[in-house]
Amino acid sequence: MTKRSAYYHVTDGEWIQVPKRGYKEQCCDCGLVHRLNFKVDEKGNIHIQTFRDPRATNGARKNFHFTKDN
């Protein structure tokens, strides 16, 4: 039995509401987790700040099985 990820699985093209700080995103192909911060400036432009989250990545990859490239 595999452990279910604690991260919400977004489908391609799906719009989701996220918090302005501390949002985490995990890649389904490699398990890499990013922490994202969002802000909207006075002109309404959205800015995204991204950081790799090594601790969350290690936890996510614990049961992750990579396949060998051909």
PDB file of N, CA and C in Angstrom:
ATOM      1  N   MET A   1       0.857  -1.177   0.000  1.00  0.00           N
ATOM      2  CA  MET A   1       0.000   0.000   0.000  1.00  0.00           C
ATOM      3  C   MET A   1       0.897   1.232   0.000  1.00  0.00           C
ATOM      4  N   THR A   2       0.611   2.186  -0.883  1.00  0.00           N
ATOM      5  CA  THR A   2       1.412   3.400  -0.970  1.00  0.00           C
ATOM      6  C   THR A   2       0.789   4.494  -0.117  1.00  0.00           C
ATOM      7  N   LYS A   3       1.639   5.328   0.440  1.00  0.00           N
ATOM      8  CA  LYS A   3       1.185   6.451   1.256  1.00  0.00           C
ATOM      9  C   LYS A   3       0.696   7.569   0.345  1.00  0.00           C
ATOM     10  N   ARG A   4      -0.467   8.093   0.624  1.00  0.00           N
ATOM     11  CA  ARG A   4      -1.043   9.171  -0.180  1.00  0.00           C
ATOM     12  C   ARG A   4      -0.361  10.493   0.167  1.00  0.00           C
ATOM     13  N   SER A   5      -0.059  11.288  -0.849  1.00  0.00           N
ATOM     14  CA  SER A   5       0.599  12.585  -0.662  1.00  0.00           C
ATOM     15  C   SER A   5      -0.323  13.548   0.072  1.00  0.00           C
ATOM     16  N   ALA A   6       0.272  14.385   0.920  1.00  0.00           N
ATOM     17  CA  ALA A   6      -0.497  15.394   1.648  1.00  0.00           C
ATOM     18  C   ALA A   6      -0.772  16.612   0.778  1.00  0.00           C
ATOM     19  N   TYR A   7      -0.191  16.659  -0.425  1.00  0.00           N
ATOM     20  CA  TYR A   7      -0.367  17.797  -1.318  1.00  0.00           C
ATOM     21  C   TYR A   7      -1.605  17.613  -2.197  1.00  0.00           C
ATOM     22  N   TYR A   8      -2.309  18.710  -2.463  1.00  0.00           N
ATOM     23  CA  TYR A   8      -3.465  18.688  -3.355  1.00  0.00           C
ATOM     24  C   TYR A   8      -2.988  18.482  -4.786  1.00  0.00           C
ATOM     25  N   HIS A   9      -3.626  17.599  -5.513  1.00  0.00           N
ATOM     26  CA  HIS A   9      -3.239  17.308  -6.891  1.00  0.00           C
ATOM     27  C   HIS A   9      -4.066  18.155  -7.852  1.00  0.00           C
ATOM     28  N   VAL A  10      -3.417  19.116  -8.495  1.00  0.00           N
ATOM     29  CA  VAL A  10      -4.078  20.028  -9.427  1.00  0.00           C
ATOM     30  C   VAL A  10      -4.059  19.397 -10.817  1.00  0.00           C
ATOM     31  N   THR A  11      -5.177  19.478 -11.516  1.00  0.00           N
ATOM     32  CA  THR A  11      -5.215  18.984 -12.888  1.00  0.00           C
ATOM     33  C   THR A  11      -4.753  20.095 -13.822  1.00  0.00           C
ATOM     34  N   ASP A  12      -4.283  19.729 -15.014  1.00  0.00           N
ATOM     35  CA  ASP A  12      -3.804  20.710 -15.981  1.00  0.00           C
ATOM     36  C   ASP A  12      -4.872  21.758 -16.262  1.00  0.00           C
ATOM     37  N   GLY A  13      -4.479  23.026 -16.161  1.00  0.00           N
ATOM     38  CA  GLY A  13      -5.375  24.133 -16.482  1.00  0.00           C
ATOM     39  C   GLY A  13      -6.337  24.523 -15.380  1.00  0.00           C
ATOM     40  N   GLU A  14      -6.309  23.838 -14.244  1.00  0.00           N
ATOM     41  CA  GLU A  14      -7.228  24.129 -13.147  1.00  0.00           C
ATOM     42  C   GLU A  14      -6.781  25.397 -12.408  1.00  0.00           C
ATOM     43  N   TRP A  15      -7.728  26.297 -12.136  1.00  0.00           N
ATOM     44  CA  TRP A  15      -7.451  27.483 -11.327  1.00  0.00           C
ATOM     45  C   TRP A  15      -7.689  27.130  -9.871  1.00  0.00           C
ATOM     46  N   ILE A  16      -6.756  27.509  -9.009  1.00  0.00           N
ATOM     47  CA  ILE A  16      -6.921  27.268  -7.580  1.00  0.00           C
ATOM     48  C   ILE A  16      -6.600  28.550  -6.828  1.00  0.00           C
ATOM     49  N   GLN A  17      -7.234  28.727  -5.681  1.00  0.00           N
ATOM     50  CA  GLN A  17      -6.923  29.862  -4.823  1.00  0.00           C
ATOM     51  C   GLN A  17      -5.836  29.416  -3.858  1.00  0.00           C
ATOM     52  N   VAL A  18      -4.796  30.217  -3.748  1.00  0.00           N
ATOM     53  CA  VAL A  18      -3.664  29.861  -2.894  1.00  0.00           C
ATOM     54  C   VAL A  18      -3.378  30.989  -1.913  1.00  0.00           C
ATOM     55  N   PRO A  19      -2.736  30.661  -0.781  1.00  0.00           N
ATOM     56  CA  PRO A  19      -2.357  31.720   0.155  1.00  0.00           C
ATOM     57  C   PRO A  19      -1.231  32.561  -0.418  1.00  0.00           C
ATOM     58  N   LYS A  20      -1.083  33.793   0.066  1.00  0.00           N
ATOM     59  CA  LYS A  20      -0.029  34.679  -0.440  1.00  0.00           C
ATOM     60  C   LYS A  20       1.361  34.239  -0.008  1.00  0.00           C
ATOM     61  N   ARG A  21       1.489  33.522   1.089  1.00  0.00           N
ATOM     62  CA  ARG A  21       2.808  33.091   1.582  1.00  0.00           C
ATOM     63  C   ARG A  21       2.794  31.605   1.939  1.00  0.00           C
ATOM     64  N   GLY A  22       3.935  30.965   1.693  1.00  0.00           N
ATOM     65  CA  GLY A  22       4.120  29.592   2.145  1.00  0.00           C
ATOM     66  C   GLY A  22       3.446  28.511   1.316  1.00  0.00           C
ATOM     67  N   TYR A  23       2.939  28.838   0.155  1.00  0.00           N
ATOM     68  CA  TYR A  23       2.322  27.839  -0.713  1.00  0.00           C
ATOM     69  C   TYR A  23       3.401  26.880  -1.198  1.00  0.00           C
ATOM     70  N   LYS A  24       3.128  25.571  -1.170  1.00  0.00           N
ATOM     71  CA  LYS A  24       4.086  24.575  -1.627  1.00  0.00           C
ATOM     72  C   LYS A  24       3.524  23.844  -2.826  1.00  0.00           C
ATOM     73  N   GLU A  25       4.420  23.525  -3.759  1.00  0.00           N
ATOM     74  CA  GLU A  25       4.042  22.836  -4.984  1.00  0.00           C
ATOM     75  C   GLU A  25       5.012  21.672  -5.174  1.00  0.00           C
ATOM     76  N   GLN A  26       4.468  20.490  -5.482  1.00  0.00           N
ATOM     77  CA  GLN A  26       5.309  19.318  -5.696  1.00  0.00           C
ATOM     78  C   GLN A  26       5.181  18.840  -7.129  1.00  0.00           C
ATOM     79  N   CYS A  27       6.328  18.583  -7.764  1.00  0.00           N
ATOM     80  CA  CYS A  27       6.341  18.058  -9.122  1.00  0.00           C
ATOM     81  C   CYS A  27       5.953  16.586  -9.093  1.00  0.00           C
ATOM     82  N   CYS A  28       5.006  16.199  -9.922  1.00  0.00           N
ATOM     83  CA  CYS A  28       4.566  14.803  -9.920  1.00  0.00           C
ATOM     84  C   CYS A  28       5.576  13.887 -10.616  1.00  0.00           C
ATOM     85  N   ASP A  29       6.465  14.425 -11.441  1.00  0.00           N
ATOM     86  CA  ASP A  29       7.442  13.606 -12.148  1.00  0.00           C
ATOM     87  C   ASP A  29       8.647  13.247 -11.291  1.00  0.00           C
ATOM     88  N   CYS A  30       9.105  14.176 -10.449  1.00  0.00           N
ATOM     89  CA  CYS A  30      10.337  13.926  -9.690  1.00  0.00           C
ATOM     90  C   CYS A  30      10.166  14.113  -8.192  1.00  0.00           C
ATOM     91  N   GLY A  31       9.046  14.635  -7.734  1.00  0.00           N
ATOM     92  CA  GLY A  31       8.804  14.813  -6.311  1.00  0.00           C
ATOM     93  C   GLY A  31       9.429  16.058  -5.709  1.00  0.00           C
ATOM     94  N   LEU A  32      10.048  16.913  -6.515  1.00  0.00           N
ATOM     95  CA  LEU A  32      10.672  18.134  -6.022  1.00  0.00           C
ATOM     96  C   LEU A  32       9.587  19.089  -5.527  1.00  0.00           C
ATOM     97  N   VAL A  33       9.767  19.636  -4.327  1.00  0.00           N
ATOM     98  CA  VAL A  33       8.781  20.538  -3.733  1.00  0.00           C
ATOM     99  C   VAL A  33       9.335  21.961  -3.729  1.00  0.00           C
ATOM    100  N   HIS A  34       8.502  22.916  -4.149  1.00  0.00           N
ATOM    101  CA  HIS A  34       8.852  24.336  -4.120  1.00  0.00           C
ATOM    102  C   HIS A  34       7.914  25.055  -3.163  1.00  0.00           C
ATOM    103  N   ARG A  35       8.429  26.073  -2.491  1.00  0.00           N
ATOM    104  CA  ARG A  35       7.632  26.962  -1.655  1.00  0.00           C
ATOM    105  C   ARG A  35       7.486  28.257  -2.436  1.00  0.00           C
ATOM    106  N   LEU A  36       6.258  28.726  -2.618  1.00  0.00           N
ATOM    107  CA  LEU A  36       6.003  29.917  -3.412  1.00  0.00           C
ATOM    108  C   LEU A  36       5.328  30.986  -2.565  1.00  0.00           C
ATOM    109  N   ASN A  37       5.727  32.236  -2.781  1.00  0.00           N
ATOM    110  CA  ASN A  37       5.064  33.386  -2.190  1.00  0.00           C
ATOM    111  C   ASN A  37       4.500  34.231  -3.337  1.00  0.00           C
ATOM    112  N   PHE A  38       3.330  34.805  -3.105  1.00  0.00           N
ATOM    113  CA  PHE A  38       2.661  35.615  -4.115  1.00  0.00           C
ATOM    114  C   PHE A  38       2.402  37.003  -3.557  1.00  0.00           C
ATOM    115  N   LYS A  39       2.465  38.013  -4.429  1.00  0.00           N
ATOM    116  CA  LYS A  39       2.033  39.353  -4.023  1.00  0.00           C
ATOM    117  C   LYS A  39       1.451  40.045  -5.244  1.00  0.00           C
ATOM    118  N   VAL A  40       0.534  40.951  -4.973  1.00  0.00           N
ATOM    119  CA  VAL A  40      -0.089  41.752  -6.022  1.00  0.00           C
ATOM    120  C   VAL A  40       0.344  43.195  -5.788  1.00  0.00           C
ATOM    121  N   ASP A  41       0.923  43.821  -6.822  1.00  0.00           N
ATOM    122  CA  ASP A  41       1.388  45.200  -6.660  1.00  0.00           C
ATOM    123  C   ASP A  41       0.246  46.186  -6.869  1.00  0.00           C
ATOM    124  N   GLU A  42       0.561  47.472  -6.720  1.00  0.00           N
ATOM    125  CA  GLU A  42      -0.466  48.519  -6.820  1.00  0.00           C
ATOM    126  C   GLU A  42      -1.130  48.587  -8.193  1.00  0.00           C
ATOM    127  N   LYS A  43      -0.489  48.033  -9.220  1.00  0.00           N
ATOM    128  CA  LYS A  43      -1.077  48.005 -10.568  1.00  0.00           C
ATOM    129  C   LYS A  43      -1.857  46.716 -10.836  1.00  0.00           C
ATOM    130  N   GLY A  44      -1.906  45.820  -9.843  1.00  0.00           N
ATOM    131  CA  GLY A  44      -2.647  44.568  -9.998  1.00  0.00           C
ATOM    132  C   GLY A  44      -1.831  43.434 -10.601  1.00  0.00           C
ATOM    133  N   ASN A  45      -0.528  43.650 -10.811  1.00  0.00           N
ATOM    134  CA  ASN A  45       0.324  42.593 -11.345  1.00  0.00           C
ATOM    135  C   ASN A  45       0.658  41.587 -10.243  1.00  0.00           C
ATOM    136  N   ILE A  46       0.629  40.304 -10.583  1.00  0.00           N
ATOM    137  CA  ILE A  46       0.938  39.248  -9.626  1.00  0.00           C
ATOM    138  C   ILE A  46       2.410  38.895  -9.744  1.00  0.00           C
ATOM    139  N   HIS A  47       3.089  38.845  -8.600  1.00  0.00           N
ATOM    140  CA  HIS A  47       4.498  38.464  -8.549  1.00  0.00           C
ATOM    141  C   HIS A  47       4.606  37.161  -7.771  1.00  0.00           C
ATOM    142  N   ILE A  48       5.483  36.263  -8.243  1.00  0.00           N
ATOM    143  CA  ILE A  48       5.695  34.973  -7.587  1.00  0.00           C
ATOM    144  C   ILE A  48       7.162  34.863  -7.201  1.00  0.00           C
ATOM    145  N   GLN A  49       7.417  34.464  -5.969  1.00  0.00           N
ATOM    146  CA  GLN A  49       8.768  34.238  -5.467  1.00  0.00           C
ATOM    147  C   GLN A  49       8.861  32.753  -5.132  1.00  0.00           C
ATOM    148  N   THR A  50       9.870  32.051  -5.661  1.00  0.00           N
ATOM    149  CA  THR A  50       9.966  30.605  -5.537  1.00  0.00           C
ATOM    150  C   THR A  50      11.258  30.184  -4.850  1.00  0.00           C
ATOM    151  N   PHE A  51      11.141  29.202  -3.958  1.00  0.00           N
ATOM    152  CA  PHE A  51      12.291  28.609  -3.280  1.00  0.00           C
ATOM    153  C   PHE A  51      12.145  27.091  -3.304  1.00  0.00           C
ATOM    154  N   ARG A  52      13.239  26.372  -3.479  1.00  0.00           N
ATOM    155  CA  ARG A  52      13.202  24.923  -3.307  1.00  0.00           C
ATOM    156  C   ARG A  52      13.077  24.625  -1.823  1.00  0.00           C
ATOM    157  N   ASP A  53      12.300  23.614  -1.478  1.00  0.00           N
ATOM    158  CA  ASP A  53      12.120  23.218  -0.088  1.00  0.00           C
ATOM    159  C   ASP A  53      12.734  21.828   0.107  1.00  0.00           C
ATOM    160  N   PRO A  54      14.034  21.778   0.496  1.00  0.00           N
ATOM    161  CA  PRO A  54      14.721  20.494   0.595  1.00  0.00           C
ATOM    162  C   PRO A  54      14.099  19.535   1.614  1.00  0.00           C
ATOM    163  N   ARG A  55      13.630  20.054   2.733  1.00  0.00           N
ATOM    164  CA  ARG A  55      13.047  19.185   3.760  1.00  0.00           C
ATOM    165  C   ARG A  55      11.756  18.526   3.267  1.00  0.00           C
ATOM    166  N   ALA A  56      10.877  19.313   2.661  1.00  0.00           N
ATOM    167  CA  ALA A  56       9.630  18.758   2.128  1.00  0.00           C
ATOM    168  C   ALA A  56       9.912  17.811   0.965  1.00  0.00           C
ATOM    169  N   THR A  57      10.925  18.134   0.145  1.00  0.00           N
ATOM    170  CA  THR A  57      11.297  17.262  -0.966  1.00  0.00           C
ATOM    171  C   THR A  57      11.779  15.913  -0.446  1.00  0.00           C
ATOM    172  N   ASN A  58      12.639  15.932   0.579  1.00  0.00           N
ATOM    173  CA  ASN A  58      13.122  14.672   1.153  1.00  0.00           C
ATOM    174  C   ASN A  58      11.977  13.821   1.672  1.00  0.00           C
ATOM    175  N   GLY A  59      11.013  14.450   2.332  1.00  0.00           N
ATOM    176  CA  GLY A  59       9.852  13.714   2.829  1.00  0.00           C
ATOM    177  C   GLY A  59       9.004  13.153   1.706  1.00  0.00           C
ATOM    178  N   ALA A  60       8.820  13.933   0.651  1.00  0.00           N
ATOM    179  CA  ALA A  60       7.995  13.490  -0.475  1.00  0.00           C
ATOM    180  C   ALA A  60       8.664  12.371  -1.257  1.00  0.00           C
ATOM    181  N   ARG A  61       9.993  12.413  -1.330  1.00  0.00           N
ATOM    182  CA  ARG A  61      10.730  11.422  -2.117  1.00  0.00           C
ATOM    183  C   ARG A  61      11.035  10.140  -1.342  1.00  0.00           C
ATOM    184  N   LYS A  62      10.649  10.088  -0.091  1.00  0.00           N
ATOM    185  CA  LYS A  62      10.947   8.917   0.740  1.00  0.00           C
ATOM    186  C   LYS A  62      10.482   7.624   0.081  1.00  0.00           C
ATOM    187  N   ASN A  63       9.282   7.627  -0.469  1.00  0.00           N
ATOM    188  CA  ASN A  63       8.730   6.431  -1.117  1.00  0.00           C
ATOM    189  C   ASN A  63       8.617   6.597  -2.625  1.00  0.00           C
ATOM    190  N   PHE A  64       9.350   7.563  -3.160  1.00  0.00           N
ATOM    191  CA  PHE A  64       9.305   7.867  -4.596  1.00  0.00           C
ATOM    192  C   PHE A  64      10.281   6.958  -5.330  1.00  0.00           C
ATOM    193  N   HIS A  65       9.855   6.359  -6.421  1.00  0.00           N
ATOM    194  CA  HIS A  65      10.715   5.448  -7.173  1.00  0.00           C
ATOM    195  C   HIS A  65      11.016   6.049  -8.535  1.00  0.00           C
ATOM    196  N   PHE A  66      12.298   6.381  -8.758  1.00  0.00           N
ATOM    197  CA  PHE A  66      12.725   6.925 -10.038  1.00  0.00           C
ATOM    198  C   PHE A  66      12.906   5.798 -11.034  1.00  0.00           C
ATOM    199  N   THR A  67      12.646   6.081 -12.305  1.00  0.00           N
ATOM    200  CA  THR A  67      12.896   5.087 -13.345  1.00  0.00           C
ATOM    201  C   THR A  67      14.178   5.475 -14.069  1.00  0.00           C
ATOM    202  N   LYS A  68      14.905   4.475 -14.516  1.00  0.00           N
ATOM    203  CA  LYS A  68      16.166   4.702 -15.210  1.00  0.00           C
ATOM    204  C   LYS A  68      15.894   5.238 -16.607  1.00  0.00           C
ATOM    205  N   ASP A  69      16.621   6.323 -17.001  1.00  0.00           N
ATOM    206  CA  ASP A  69      16.474   6.872 -18.344  1.00  0.00           C
ATOM    207  C   ASP A  69      17.059   5.897 -19.352  1.00  0.00           C
ATOM    208  N   ASN A  70      16.442   5.846 -20.512  1.00  0.00           N
ATOM    209  CA  ASN A  70      16.954   4.957 -21.571  1.00  0.00           C
ATOM    210  C   ASN A  70      18.029   5.617 -22.352  1.00  0.00           C
TER     211      ASN A  70
END
